[in-house]
PDB file of N, CA and C in Angstrom:
ATOM      1  N   MET A   1     150.583  67.773  94.995  1.00  0.00           N
ATOM      2  CA  MET A   1     151.894  67.561  94.428  1.00  0.00           C
ATOM      3  C   MET A   1     151.783  66.918  93.043  1.00  0.00           C
ATOM      4  N   SER A   2     152.563  67.377  92.161  1.00  0.00           N
ATOM      5  CA  SER A   2     152.549  66.759  90.846  1.00  0.00           C
ATOM      6  C   SER A   2     153.718  65.806  90.713  1.00  0.00           C
ATOM      7  N   GLN A   3     153.456  64.702  90.091  1.00  0.00           N
ATOM      8  CA  GLN A   3     154.505  63.711  89.937  1.00  0.00           C
ATOM      9  C   GLN A   3     155.075  63.864  88.530  1.00  0.00           C
ATOM     10  N   ILE A   4     156.374  63.767  88.454  1.00  0.00           N
ATOM     11  CA  ILE A   4     157.015  63.829  87.158  1.00  0.00           C
ATOM     12  C   ILE A   4     157.032  62.410  86.589  1.00  0.00           C
ATOM     13  N   LYS A   5     156.553  62.327  85.370  1.00  0.00           N
ATOM     14  CA  LYS A   5     156.542  61.020  84.689  1.00  0.00           C
ATOM     15  C   LYS A   5     157.949  60.607  84.337  1.00  0.00           C
ATOM     16  N   GLN A   6     158.293  59.417  84.818  1.00  0.00           N
ATOM     17  CA  GLN A   6     159.584  58.832  84.499  1.00  0.00           C
ATOM     18  C   GLN A   6     159.428  58.010  83.196  1.00  0.00           C
ATOM     19  N   PRO A   7     160.430  58.037  82.350  1.00  0.00           N
ATOM     20  CA  PRO A   7     160.370  57.186  81.148  1.00  0.00           C
ATOM     21  C   PRO A   7     160.305  55.724  81.553  1.00  0.00           C
ATOM     22  N   GLN A   8     159.654  54.953  80.707  1.00  0.00           N
ATOM     23  CA  GLN A   8     159.529  53.526  80.987  1.00  0.00           C
ATOM     24  C   GLN A   8     160.935  52.904  81.124  1.00  0.00           C
ATOM     25  N   SER A   9     161.095  52.186  82.208  1.00  0.00           N
ATOM     26  CA  SER A   9     162.387  51.516  82.396  1.00  0.00           C
ATOM     27  C   SER A   9     162.415  50.282  81.469  1.00  0.00           C
ATOM     28  N   ASN A  10     163.569  49.935  81.066  1.00  0.00           N
ATOM     29  CA  ASN A  10     163.720  48.806  80.168  1.00  0.00           C
ATOM     30  C   ASN A  10     163.948  47.529  80.985  1.00  0.00           C
ATOM     31  N   LYS A  11     162.964  47.180  81.774  1.00  0.00           N
ATOM     32  CA  LYS A  11     163.058  45.963  82.595  1.00  0.00           C
ATOM     33  C   LYS A  11     163.165  44.715  81.722  1.00  0.00           C
ATOM     34  N   PHE A  12     162.464  44.709  80.644  1.00  0.00           N
ATOM     35  CA  PHE A  12     162.368  43.493  79.809  1.00  0.00           C
ATOM     36  C   PHE A  12     163.113  43.646  78.472  1.00  0.00           C
ATOM     37  N   ARG A  13     164.156  44.439  78.433  1.00  0.00           N
ATOM     38  CA  ARG A  13     164.867  44.652  77.186  1.00  0.00           C
ATOM     39  C   ARG A  13     165.603  43.404  76.731  1.00  0.00           C
ATOM     40  N   TYR A  14     165.893  42.478  77.676  1.00  0.00           N
ATOM     41  CA  TYR A  14     166.592  41.247  77.323  1.00  0.00           C
ATOM     42  C   TYR A  14     165.698  40.354  76.439  1.00  0.00           C
ATOM     43  N   LEU A  15     164.384  40.552  76.475  1.00  0.00           N
ATOM     44  CA  LEU A  15     163.497  39.728  75.671  1.00  0.00           C
ATOM     45  C   LEU A  15     163.675  39.999  74.171  1.00  0.00           C
ATOM     46  N   ARG A  16     164.264  41.145  73.834  1.00  0.00           N
ATOM     47  CA  ARG A  16     164.492  41.491  72.426  1.00  0.00           C
ATOM     48  C   ARG A  16     165.828  40.924  71.914  1.00  0.00           C
ATOM     49  N   SER A  17     166.600  40.402  72.806  1.00  0.00           N
ATOM     50  CA  SER A  17     167.939  39.880  72.456  1.00  0.00           C
ATOM     51  C   SER A  17     167.830  38.460  71.924  1.00  0.00           C
ATOM     52  N   SER A  18     168.418  38.249  70.754  1.00  0.00           N
ATOM     53  CA  SER A  18     168.381  36.898  70.180  1.00  0.00           C
ATOM     54  C   SER A  18     169.267  35.943  70.994  1.00  0.00           C
ATOM     55  N   ARG A  19     170.305  36.490  71.632  1.00  0.00           N
ATOM     56  CA  ARG A  19     171.144  35.632  72.495  1.00  0.00           C
ATOM     57  C   ARG A  19     170.341  35.049  73.652  1.00  0.00           C
ATOM     58  N   PHE A  20     169.433  35.844  74.208  1.00  0.00           N
ATOM     59  CA  PHE A  20     168.589  35.358  75.307  1.00  0.00           C
ATOM     60  C   PHE A  20     167.767  34.154  74.813  1.00  0.00           C
ATOM     61  N   TRP A  21     167.182  34.261  73.656  1.00  0.00           N
ATOM     62  CA  TRP A  21     166.324  33.149  73.140  1.00  0.00           C
ATOM     63  C   TRP A  21     167.151  31.945  72.752  1.00  0.00           C
ATOM     64  N   LEU A  22     168.340  32.170  72.262  1.00  0.00           N
ATOM     65  CA  LEU A  22     169.198  31.019  71.913  1.00  0.00           C
ATOM     66  C   LEU A  22     169.746  30.350  73.188  1.00  0.00           C
ATOM     67  N   ALA A  23     170.126  31.125  74.186  1.00  0.00           N
ATOM     68  CA  ALA A  23     170.670  30.558  75.394  1.00  0.00           C
ATOM     69  C   ALA A  23     169.632  29.983  76.302  1.00  0.00           C
ATOM     70  N   GLY A  24     168.380  30.355  76.149  1.00  0.00           N
ATOM     71  CA  GLY A  24     167.310  29.894  76.994  1.00  0.00           C
ATOM     72  C   GLY A  24     166.533  28.741  76.398  1.00  0.00           C
ATOM     73  N   PRO A  25     165.396  29.033  75.795  1.00  0.00           N
ATOM     74  CA  PRO A  25     164.527  27.963  75.245  1.00  0.00           C
ATOM     75  C   PRO A  25     165.166  27.145  74.133  1.00  0.00           C
ATOM     76  N   ALA A  26     165.928  27.783  73.221  1.00  0.00           N
ATOM     77  CA  ALA A  26     166.536  27.032  72.131  1.00  0.00           C
ATOM     78  C   ALA A  26     167.566  26.019  72.644  1.00  0.00           C
ATOM     79  N   THR A  27     168.341  26.428  73.641  1.00  0.00           N
ATOM     80  CA  THR A  27     169.335  25.508  74.228  1.00  0.00           C
ATOM     81  C   THR A  27     168.667  24.297  74.870  1.00  0.00           C
ATOM     82  N   LEU A  28     167.564  24.545  75.557  1.00  0.00           N
ATOM     83  CA  LEU A  28     166.826  23.449  76.187  1.00  0.00           C
ATOM     84  C   LEU A  28     166.271  22.473  75.134  1.00  0.00           C
ATOM     85  N   ILE A  29     165.690  23.007  74.077  1.00  0.00           N
ATOM     86  CA  ILE A  29     165.112  22.167  73.018  1.00  0.00           C
ATOM     87  C   ILE A  29     166.190  21.365  72.308  1.00  0.00           C
ATOM     88  N   VAL A  30     167.294  22.012  71.959  1.00  0.00           N
ATOM     89  CA  VAL A  30     168.387  21.304  71.299  1.00  0.00           C
ATOM     90  C   VAL A  30     168.970  20.205  72.195  1.00  0.00           C
ATOM     91  N   SER A  31     169.113  20.518  73.484  1.00  0.00           N
ATOM     92  CA  SER A  31     169.678  19.520  74.435  1.00  0.00           C
ATOM     93  C   SER A  31     168.733  18.336  74.567  1.00  0.00           C
ATOM     94  N   ILE A  32     167.436  18.560  74.572  1.00  0.00           N
ATOM     95  CA  ILE A  32     166.481  17.438  74.697  1.00  0.00           C
ATOM     96  C   ILE A  32     166.565  16.570  73.449  1.00  0.00           C
ATOM     97  N   PHE A  33     166.660  17.204  72.270  1.00  0.00           N
ATOM     98  CA  PHE A  33     166.761  16.372  71.058  1.00  0.00           C
ATOM     99  C   PHE A  33     168.089  15.624  70.993  1.00  0.00           C
ATOM    100  N   ILE A  34     169.173  16.217  71.447  1.00  0.00           N
ATOM    101  CA  ILE A  34     170.461  15.508  71.511  1.00  0.00           C
ATOM    102  C   ILE A  34     170.339  14.296  72.427  1.00  0.00           C
ATOM    103  N   MET A  35     169.703  14.499  73.601  1.00  0.00           N
ATOM    104  CA  MET A  35     169.494  13.411  74.525  1.00  0.00           C
ATOM    105  C   MET A  35     168.638  12.299  73.931  1.00  0.00           C
ATOM    106  N   ALA A  36     167.588  12.689  73.229  1.00  0.00           N
ATOM    107  CA  ALA A  36     166.702  11.688  72.619  1.00  0.00           C
ATOM    108  C   ALA A  36     167.413  10.933  71.487  1.00  0.00           C
ATOM    109  N   ALA A  37     168.230  11.624  70.742  1.00  0.00           N
ATOM    110  CA  ALA A  37     168.956  10.954  69.639  1.00  0.00           C
ATOM    111  C   ALA A  37     170.067  10.036  70.154  1.00  0.00           C
ATOM    112  N   MET A  38     170.607  10.332  71.321  1.00  0.00           N
ATOM    113  CA  MET A  38     171.689   9.474  71.854  1.00  0.00           C
ATOM    114  C   MET A  38     171.201   8.051  72.099  1.00  0.00           C
ATOM    115  N   SER A  39     169.932   7.886  72.456  1.00  0.00           N
ATOM    116  CA  SER A  39     169.430   6.519  72.704  1.00  0.00           C
ATOM    117  C   SER A  39     169.335   5.729  71.403  1.00  0.00           C
ATOM    118  N   LEU A  40     169.351   6.428  70.259  1.00  0.00           N
ATOM    119  CA  LEU A  40     169.332   5.734  68.978  1.00  0.00           C
ATOM    120  C   LEU A  40     170.720   5.312  68.498  1.00  0.00           C
ATOM    121  N   TRP A  41     171.759   6.098  68.793  1.00  0.00           N
ATOM    122  CA  TRP A  41     173.058   5.723  68.271  1.00  0.00           C
ATOM    123  C   TRP A  41     174.024   5.160  69.296  1.00  0.00           C
ATOM    124  N   LEU A  42     173.654   5.132  70.578  1.00  0.00           N
ATOM    125  CA  LEU A  42     174.495   4.445  71.566  1.00  0.00           C
ATOM    126  C   LEU A  42     174.154   2.958  71.517  1.00  0.00           C
ATOM    127  N   PRO A  43     175.125   2.080  71.612  1.00  0.00           N
ATOM    128  CA  PRO A  43     174.884   0.647  71.574  1.00  0.00           C
ATOM    129  C   PRO A  43     174.232   0.194  72.887  1.00  0.00           C
ATOM    130  N   GLU A  44     173.447  -0.887  72.811  1.00  0.00           N
ATOM    131  CA  GLU A  44     172.824  -1.431  74.009  1.00  0.00           C
ATOM    132  C   GLU A  44     173.870  -2.154  74.830  1.00  0.00           C
ATOM    133  N   GLY A  45     173.718  -2.083  76.131  1.00  0.00           N
ATOM    134  CA  GLY A  45     174.648  -2.798  77.026  1.00  0.00           C
ATOM    135  C   GLY A  45     174.141  -4.181  77.342  1.00  0.00           C
ATOM    136  N   LYS A  46     174.780  -4.820  78.289  1.00  0.00           N
ATOM    137  CA  LYS A  46     174.375  -6.197  78.652  1.00  0.00           C
ATOM    138  C   LYS A  46     172.948  -6.219  79.246  1.00  0.00           C
ATOM    139  N   ALA A  47     172.619  -5.190  79.981  1.00  0.00           N
ATOM    140  CA  ALA A  47     171.296  -5.156  80.594  1.00  0.00           C
ATOM    141  C   ALA A  47     170.259  -4.490  79.691  1.00  0.00           C
ATOM    142  N   SER A  48     170.636  -4.087  78.531  1.00  0.00           N
ATOM    143  CA  SER A  48     169.789  -3.413  77.534  1.00  0.00           C
ATOM    144  C   SER A  48     169.178  -2.084  78.010  1.00  0.00           C
ATOM    145  N   ILE A  49     169.863  -1.457  78.973  1.00  0.00           N
ATOM    146  CA  ILE A  49     169.371  -0.145  79.411  1.00  0.00           C
ATOM    147  C   ILE A  49     170.456   0.947  79.336  1.00  0.00           C
ATOM    148  N   ASP A  50     171.674   0.557  78.951  1.00  0.00           N
ATOM    149  CA  ASP A  50     172.763   1.533  78.913  1.00  0.00           C
ATOM    150  C   ASP A  50     172.453   2.636  77.885  1.00  0.00           C
ATOM    151  N   HIS A  51     171.851   2.329  76.794  1.00  0.00           N
ATOM    152  CA  HIS A  51     171.543   3.335  75.783  1.00  0.00           C
ATOM    153  C   HIS A  51     170.438   4.272  76.241  1.00  0.00           C
ATOM    154  N   LEU A  52     169.754   3.955  77.299  1.00  0.00           N
ATOM    155  CA  LEU A  52     168.731   4.835  77.880  1.00  0.00           C
ATOM    156  C   LEU A  52     169.248   5.603  79.077  1.00  0.00           C
ATOM    157  N   VAL A  53     170.127   5.017  79.849  1.00  0.00           N
ATOM    158  CA  VAL A  53     170.589   5.657  81.096  1.00  0.00           C
ATOM    159  C   VAL A  53     171.676   6.727  80.799  1.00  0.00           C
ATOM    160  N   PHE A  54     172.575   6.441  79.909  1.00  0.00           N
ATOM    161  CA  PHE A  54     173.651   7.382  79.621  1.00  0.00           C
ATOM    162  C   PHE A  54     173.152   8.754  79.165  1.00  0.00           C
ATOM    163  N   PRO A  55     172.173   8.810  78.236  1.00  0.00           N
ATOM    164  CA  PRO A  55     171.687  10.160  77.866  1.00  0.00           C
ATOM    165  C   PRO A  55     171.052  10.916  79.025  1.00  0.00           C
ATOM    166  N   LEU A  56     170.358  10.216  79.902  1.00  0.00           N
ATOM    167  CA  LEU A  56     169.759  10.904  81.060  1.00  0.00           C
ATOM    168  C   LEU A  56     170.821  11.399  82.012  1.00  0.00           C
ATOM    169  N   VAL A  57     171.874  10.633  82.210  1.00  0.00           N
ATOM    170  CA  VAL A  57     172.922  11.046  83.105  1.00  0.00           C
ATOM    171  C   VAL A  57     173.741  12.182  82.485  1.00  0.00           C
ATOM    172  N   LEU A  58     173.942  12.156  81.190  1.00  0.00           N
ATOM    173  CA  LEU A  58     174.759  13.161  80.509  1.00  0.00           C
ATOM    174  C   LEU A  58     173.973  14.425  80.132  1.00  0.00           C
ATOM    175  N   PHE A  59     172.666  14.442  80.321  1.00  0.00           N
ATOM    176  CA  PHE A  59     171.859  15.590  79.896  1.00  0.00           C
ATOM    177  C   PHE A  59     172.363  16.923  80.514  1.00  0.00           C
ATOM    178  N   PRO A  60     172.660  17.002  81.792  1.00  0.00           N
ATOM    179  CA  PRO A  60     173.167  18.286  82.301  1.00  0.00           C
ATOM    180  C   PRO A  60     174.476  18.759  81.645  1.00  0.00           C
ATOM    181  N   LEU A  61     175.341  17.805  81.345  1.00  0.00           N
ATOM    182  CA  LEU A  61     176.581  18.157  80.660  1.00  0.00           C
ATOM    183  C   LEU A  61     176.300  18.652  79.251  1.00  0.00           C
ATOM    184  N   ILE A  62     175.418  18.008  78.541  1.00  0.00           N
ATOM    185  CA  ILE A  62     175.056  18.435  77.206  1.00  0.00           C
ATOM    186  C   ILE A  62     174.469  19.840  77.228  1.00  0.00           C
ATOM    187  N   TRP A  63     173.573  20.086  78.159  1.00  0.00           N
ATOM    188  CA  TRP A  63     172.953  21.404  78.267  1.00  0.00           C
ATOM    189  C   TRP A  63     173.966  22.475  78.573  1.00  0.00           C
ATOM    190  N   VAL A  64     174.908  22.174  79.480  1.00  0.00           N
ATOM    191  CA  VAL A  64     175.928  23.177  79.846  1.00  0.00           C
ATOM    192  C   VAL A  64     176.820  23.500  78.655  1.00  0.00           C
ATOM    193  N   ILE A  65     177.218  22.494  77.913  1.00  0.00           N
ATOM    194  CA  ILE A  65     178.079  22.743  76.746  1.00  0.00           C
ATOM    195  C   ILE A  65     177.373  23.614  75.705  1.00  0.00           C
ATOM    196  N   VAL A  66     176.136  23.284  75.411  1.00  0.00           N
ATOM    197  CA  VAL A  66     175.395  24.079  74.417  1.00  0.00           C
ATOM    198  C   VAL A  66     175.143  25.486  74.949  1.00  0.00           C
ATOM    199  N   PHE A  67     174.792  25.606  76.196  1.00  0.00           N
ATOM    200  CA  PHE A  67     174.514  26.917  76.784  1.00  0.00           C
ATOM    201  C   PHE A  67     175.753  27.818  76.743  1.00  0.00           C
ATOM    202  N   PHE A  68     176.881  27.309  77.217  1.00  0.00           N
ATOM    203  CA  PHE A  68     178.083  28.130  77.237  1.00  0.00           C
ATOM    204  C   PHE A  68     178.591  28.430  75.837  1.00  0.00           C
ATOM    205  N   TYR A  69     178.348  27.535  74.867  1.00  0.00           N
ATOM    206  CA  TYR A  69     178.723  27.872  73.494  1.00  0.00           C
ATOM    207  C   TYR A  69     177.966  29.078  73.027  1.00  0.00           C
ATOM    208  N   VAL A  70     176.652  29.099  73.244  1.00  0.00           N
ATOM    209  CA  VAL A  70     175.811  30.214  72.796  1.00  0.00           C
ATOM    210  C   VAL A  70     176.190  31.501  73.510  1.00  0.00           C
ATOM    211  N   VAL A  71     176.444  31.432  74.804  1.00  0.00           N
ATOM    212  CA  VAL A  71     176.778  32.634  75.576  1.00  0.00           C
ATOM    213  C   VAL A  71     178.136  33.210  75.196  1.00  0.00           C
ATOM    214  N   LEU A  72     179.105  32.337  74.967  1.00  0.00           N
ATOM    215  CA  LEU A  72     180.472  32.794  74.740  1.00  0.00           C
ATOM    216  C   LEU A  72     180.816  33.048  73.249  1.00  0.00           C
ATOM    217  N   GLU A  73     179.968  32.609  72.327  1.00  0.00           N
ATOM    218  CA  GLU A  73     180.230  32.808  70.933  1.00  0.00           C
ATOM    219  C   GLU A  73     180.078  34.289  70.561  1.00  0.00           C
ATOM    220  N   ASN A  74     181.078  34.830  69.908  1.00  0.00           N
ATOM    221  CA  ASN A  74     181.025  36.258  69.522  1.00  0.00           C
ATOM    222  C   ASN A  74     180.096  36.493  68.358  1.00  0.00           C
ATOM    223  N   ASN A  75     180.075  35.600  67.395  1.00  0.00           N
ATOM    224  CA  ASN A  75     179.266  35.766  66.189  1.00  0.00           C
ATOM    225  C   ASN A  75     177.905  35.081  66.432  1.00  0.00           C
ATOM    226  N   ILE A  76     176.872  35.859  66.643  1.00  0.00           N
ATOM    227  CA  ILE A  76     175.564  35.296  66.966  1.00  0.00           C
ATOM    228  C   ILE A  76     174.954  34.562  65.790  1.00  0.00           C
ATOM    229  N   LYS A  77     175.283  35.006  64.568  1.00  0.00           N
ATOM    230  CA  LYS A  77     174.762  34.295  63.367  1.00  0.00           C
ATOM    231  C   LYS A  77     175.346  32.900  63.293  1.00  0.00           C
ATOM    232  N   ARG A  78     176.621  32.755  63.577  1.00  0.00           N
ATOM    233  CA  ARG A  78     177.230  31.436  63.587  1.00  0.00           C
ATOM    234  C   ARG A  78     176.598  30.559  64.655  1.00  0.00           C
ATOM    235  N   ALA A  79     176.330  31.151  65.806  1.00  0.00           N
ATOM    236  CA  ALA A  79     175.686  30.375  66.889  1.00  0.00           C
ATOM    237  C   ALA A  79     174.310  29.879  66.447  1.00  0.00           C
ATOM    238  N   ARG A  80     173.572  30.745  65.753  1.00  0.00           N
ATOM    239  CA  ARG A  80     172.263  30.312  65.228  1.00  0.00           C
ATOM    240  C   ARG A  80     172.364  29.141  64.290  1.00  0.00           C
ATOM    241  N   TRP A  81     173.362  29.210  63.371  1.00  0.00           N
ATOM    242  CA  TRP A  81     173.513  28.140  62.389  1.00  0.00           C
ATOM    243  C   TRP A  81     173.975  26.865  63.058  1.00  0.00           C
ATOM    244  N   VAL A  82     174.861  26.957  64.001  1.00  0.00           N
ATOM    245  CA  VAL A  82     175.339  25.760  64.692  1.00  0.00           C
ATOM    246  C   VAL A  82     174.177  25.123  65.489  1.00  0.00           C
ATOM    247  N   MET A  83     173.376  25.935  66.141  1.00  0.00           N
ATOM    248  CA  MET A  83     172.227  25.428  66.896  1.00  0.00           C
ATOM    249  C   MET A  83     171.231  24.765  65.934  1.00  0.00           C
ATOM    250  N   LEU A  84     170.998  25.394  64.777  1.00  0.00           N
ATOM    251  CA  LEU A  84     170.065  24.806  63.814  1.00  0.00           C
ATOM    252  C   LEU A  84     170.608  23.493  63.287  1.00  0.00           C
ATOM    253  N   ALA A  85     171.906  23.448  63.013  1.00  0.00           N
ATOM    254  CA  ALA A  85     172.499  22.205  62.512  1.00  0.00           C
ATOM    255  C   ALA A  85     172.414  21.105  63.560  1.00  0.00           C
ATOM    256  N   LEU A  86     172.689  21.431  64.811  1.00  0.00           N
ATOM    257  CA  LEU A  86     172.553  20.426  65.901  1.00  0.00           C
ATOM    258  C   LEU A  86     171.138  19.941  66.012  1.00  0.00           C
ATOM    259  N   LEU A  87     170.199  20.892  65.924  1.00  0.00           N
ATOM    260  CA  LEU A  87     168.779  20.494  66.039  1.00  0.00           C
ATOM    261  C   LEU A  87     168.395  19.568  64.914  1.00  0.00           C
ATOM    262  N   LEU A  88     168.722  19.935  63.667  1.00  0.00           N
ATOM    263  CA  LEU A  88     168.345  19.097  62.531  1.00  0.00           C
ATOM    264  C   LEU A  88     169.034  17.741  62.561  1.00  0.00           C
ATOM    265  N   LEU A  89     170.314  17.727  62.896  1.00  0.00           N
ATOM    266  CA  LEU A  89     171.082  16.500  62.931  1.00  0.00           C
ATOM    267  C   LEU A  89     170.544  15.506  63.933  1.00  0.00           C
ATOM    268  N   ASN A  90     170.001  16.009  65.042  1.00  0.00           N
ATOM    269  CA  ASN A  90     169.511  15.132  66.099  1.00  0.00           C
ATOM    270  C   ASN A  90     167.998  14.943  66.039  1.00  0.00           C
ATOM    271  N   ALA A  91     167.258  15.891  65.498  1.00  0.00           N
ATOM    272  CA  ALA A  91     165.809  15.769  65.462  1.00  0.00           C
ATOM    273  C   ALA A  91     165.352  14.825  64.364  1.00  0.00           C
ATOM    274  N   LEU A  92     166.040  14.783  63.217  1.00  0.00           N
ATOM    275  CA  LEU A  92     165.628  13.928  62.119  1.00  0.00           C
ATOM    276  C   LEU A  92     165.597  12.465  62.481  1.00  0.00           C
ATOM    277  N   PRO A  93     166.651  11.898  63.121  1.00  0.00           N
ATOM    278  CA  PRO A  93     166.573  10.472  63.516  1.00  0.00           C
ATOM    279  C   PRO A  93     165.471  10.211  64.561  1.00  0.00           C
ATOM    280  N   VAL A  94     165.265  11.162  65.472  1.00  0.00           N
ATOM    281  CA  VAL A  94     164.222  10.984  66.488  1.00  0.00           C
ATOM    282  C   VAL A  94     162.862  10.953  65.838  1.00  0.00           C
ATOM    283  N   ILE A  95     162.602  11.898  64.953  1.00  0.00           N
ATOM    284  CA  ILE A  95     161.314  11.940  64.279  1.00  0.00           C
ATOM    285  C   ILE A  95     161.127  10.699  63.380  1.00  0.00           C
ATOM    286  N   ALA A  96     162.188  10.271  62.707  1.00  0.00           N
ATOM    287  CA  ALA A  96     162.094   9.064  61.865  1.00  0.00           C
ATOM    288  C   ALA A  96     161.806   7.833  62.737  1.00  0.00           C
ATOM    289  N   SER A  97     162.399   7.783  63.910  1.00  0.00           N
ATOM    290  CA  SER A  97     162.122   6.657  64.815  1.00  0.00           C
ATOM    291  C   SER A  97     160.695   6.696  65.316  1.00  0.00           C
ATOM    292  N   ILE A  98     160.167   7.839  65.625  1.00  0.00           N
ATOM    293  CA  ILE A  98     158.790   7.959  66.086  1.00  0.00           C
ATOM    294  C   ILE A  98     157.811   7.539  64.991  1.00  0.00           C
ATOM    295  N   LEU A  99     158.114   7.946  63.758  1.00  0.00           N
ATOM    296  CA  LEU A  99     157.221   7.599  62.627  1.00  0.00           C
ATOM    297  C   LEU A  99     157.381   6.174  62.181  1.00  0.00           C
ATOM    298  N   GLY A 100     158.357   5.440  62.714  1.00  0.00           N
ATOM    299  CA  GLY A 100     158.553   4.056  62.360  1.00  0.00           C
ATOM    300  C   GLY A 100     159.402   3.845  61.116  1.00  0.00           C
ATOM    301  N   TRP A 101     160.128   4.845  60.664  1.00  0.00           N
ATOM    302  CA  TRP A 101     160.967   4.699  59.485  1.00  0.00           C
ATOM    303  C   TRP A 101     162.249   3.964  59.796  1.00  0.00           C
ATOM    304  N   LEU A 102     162.629   3.906  61.060  1.00  0.00           N
ATOM    305  CA  LEU A 102     163.849   3.170  61.455  1.00  0.00           C
ATOM    306  C   LEU A 102     163.445   1.823  61.988  1.00  0.00           C
ATOM    307  N   LYS A 103     164.254   0.832  61.710  1.00  0.00           N
ATOM    308  CA  LYS A 103     164.020  -0.542  62.141  1.00  0.00           C
ATOM    309  C   LYS A 103     162.982  -1.212  61.345  1.00  0.00           C
TER     310      LYS A 103
END
């Protein structure tokens, strides 16, 4: 019996979509940087741990907001620019803190 060759199925066609990369890894990276930056601009509480606990507790909410923004935004270019702006706005203070430029 001869088998008819089927065309390659597009199982992984979503990997070519920029929305997939923005909603997946980029959302996670931006959310982590937002969480890390929150500990820098939230005031310390009486026990001196509030500025560390709140970002950890709010991380799922931050991730969900960023994820749904990317998924529901019609203009993907605008979503890219907003994600880049969020990343830069939150990554710069974190990197400056790590390098010792703050305090």
